[in-house]
């Protein structure tokens, strides 16, 4: 859990600036929630994405990964 949160904290600035669905989701969360809460939410989303990729043994598809954002 700690490593996921550290990774999310490191990725947050870059992802929040990106023009992707994930970036838009993060920007909307940052307006409504404290930064630390957003970091944990991002860590959770990244863990779920990684789990699905490993479970299905399929390549990463950005459109599908952020469709539920």
Protein backbone atom coordinates (compact mmCIF):
# COMPACT_ATOMS: atom_id res chain seq x y z
CA UNK A 1 0.00 0.00 0.00
CA UNK A 2 2.77 2.41 0.91
CA UNK A 3 4.61 1.87 -2.37
CA UNK A 4 1.43 2.43 -4.37
CA UNK A 5 0.82 5.70 -2.53
CA UNK A 6 4.42 6.85 -3.06
CA UNK A 7 4.12 6.06 -6.75
CA UNK A 8 0.81 7.90 -7.01
CA UNK A 9 2.28 10.91 -5.20
CA UNK A 10 5.16 11.00 -7.69
CA UNK A 11 2.87 10.59 -10.71
CA UNK A 12 0.18 13.06 -9.62
CA UNK A 13 1.75 16.30 -10.94
CA UNK A 14 2.42 14.84 -14.37
CA UNK A 15 -0.92 13.08 -14.68
CA UNK A 16 -2.87 16.11 -13.46
CA UNK A 17 -1.34 18.19 -16.29
CA UNK A 18 -2.04 15.58 -18.94
CA UNK A 19 -4.93 16.02 -21.35
CA UNK A 20 -6.32 12.52 -20.77
CA UNK A 21 -9.47 11.27 -19.10
CA UNK A 22 -7.37 10.31 -16.09
CA UNK A 23 -5.93 13.84 -15.96
CA UNK A 24 -9.40 15.37 -16.12
CA UNK A 25 -10.57 13.05 -13.35
CA UNK A 26 -7.62 14.06 -11.17
CA UNK A 27 -8.15 17.79 -11.78
CA UNK A 28 -11.81 17.52 -10.80
CA UNK A 29 -10.89 15.62 -7.64
CA UNK A 30 -8.20 18.15 -6.71
CA UNK A 31 -10.81 20.91 -6.76
CA UNK A 32 -13.10 18.99 -4.39
CA UNK A 33 -10.76 17.02 -2.13
CA UNK A 34 -7.52 17.40 -0.19
CA UNK A 35 -4.37 16.47 -2.09
CA UNK A 36 -3.60 13.48 0.15
CA UNK A 37 -7.07 12.06 -0.45
CA UNK A 38 -6.54 12.41 -4.20
CA UNK A 39 -3.19 10.61 -3.92
CA UNK A 40 -4.84 7.64 -2.22
CA UNK A 41 -7.65 7.61 -4.81
CA UNK A 42 -5.07 7.63 -7.62
CA UNK A 43 -3.12 4.80 -5.96
CA UNK A 44 -6.34 2.80 -5.74
CA UNK A 45 -7.18 3.42 -9.42
CA UNK A 46 -3.65 2.49 -10.54
CA UNK A 47 -3.77 -0.71 -8.46
CA UNK A 48 -7.10 -1.65 -10.04
CA UNK A 49 -5.76 -0.97 -13.54
CA UNK A 50 -2.65 -3.07 -12.83
CA UNK A 51 -4.76 -5.91 -11.43
CA UNK A 52 -6.97 -6.06 -14.53
CA UNK A 53 -3.95 -6.04 -16.84
CA UNK A 54 -2.30 -8.87 -14.90
CA UNK A 55 -5.51 -10.85 -14.51
CA UNK A 56 -6.51 -10.70 -18.18
CA UNK A 57 -2.93 -10.98 -19.47
CA UNK A 58 -3.81 -8.29 -21.98
CA UNK A 59 -1.96 -5.16 -23.09
CA UNK A 60 -2.83 -1.83 -21.51
CA UNK A 61 -5.58 0.13 -23.29
CA UNK A 62 -5.73 3.74 -22.07
CA UNK A 63 -9.27 4.32 -23.34
CA UNK A 64 -10.67 1.37 -21.41
CA UNK A 65 -8.61 2.10 -18.29
CA UNK A 66 -10.06 5.57 -17.80
CA UNK A 67 -13.57 4.91 -19.09
CA UNK A 68 -14.80 4.49 -15.52
CA UNK A 69 -13.04 7.62 -14.25
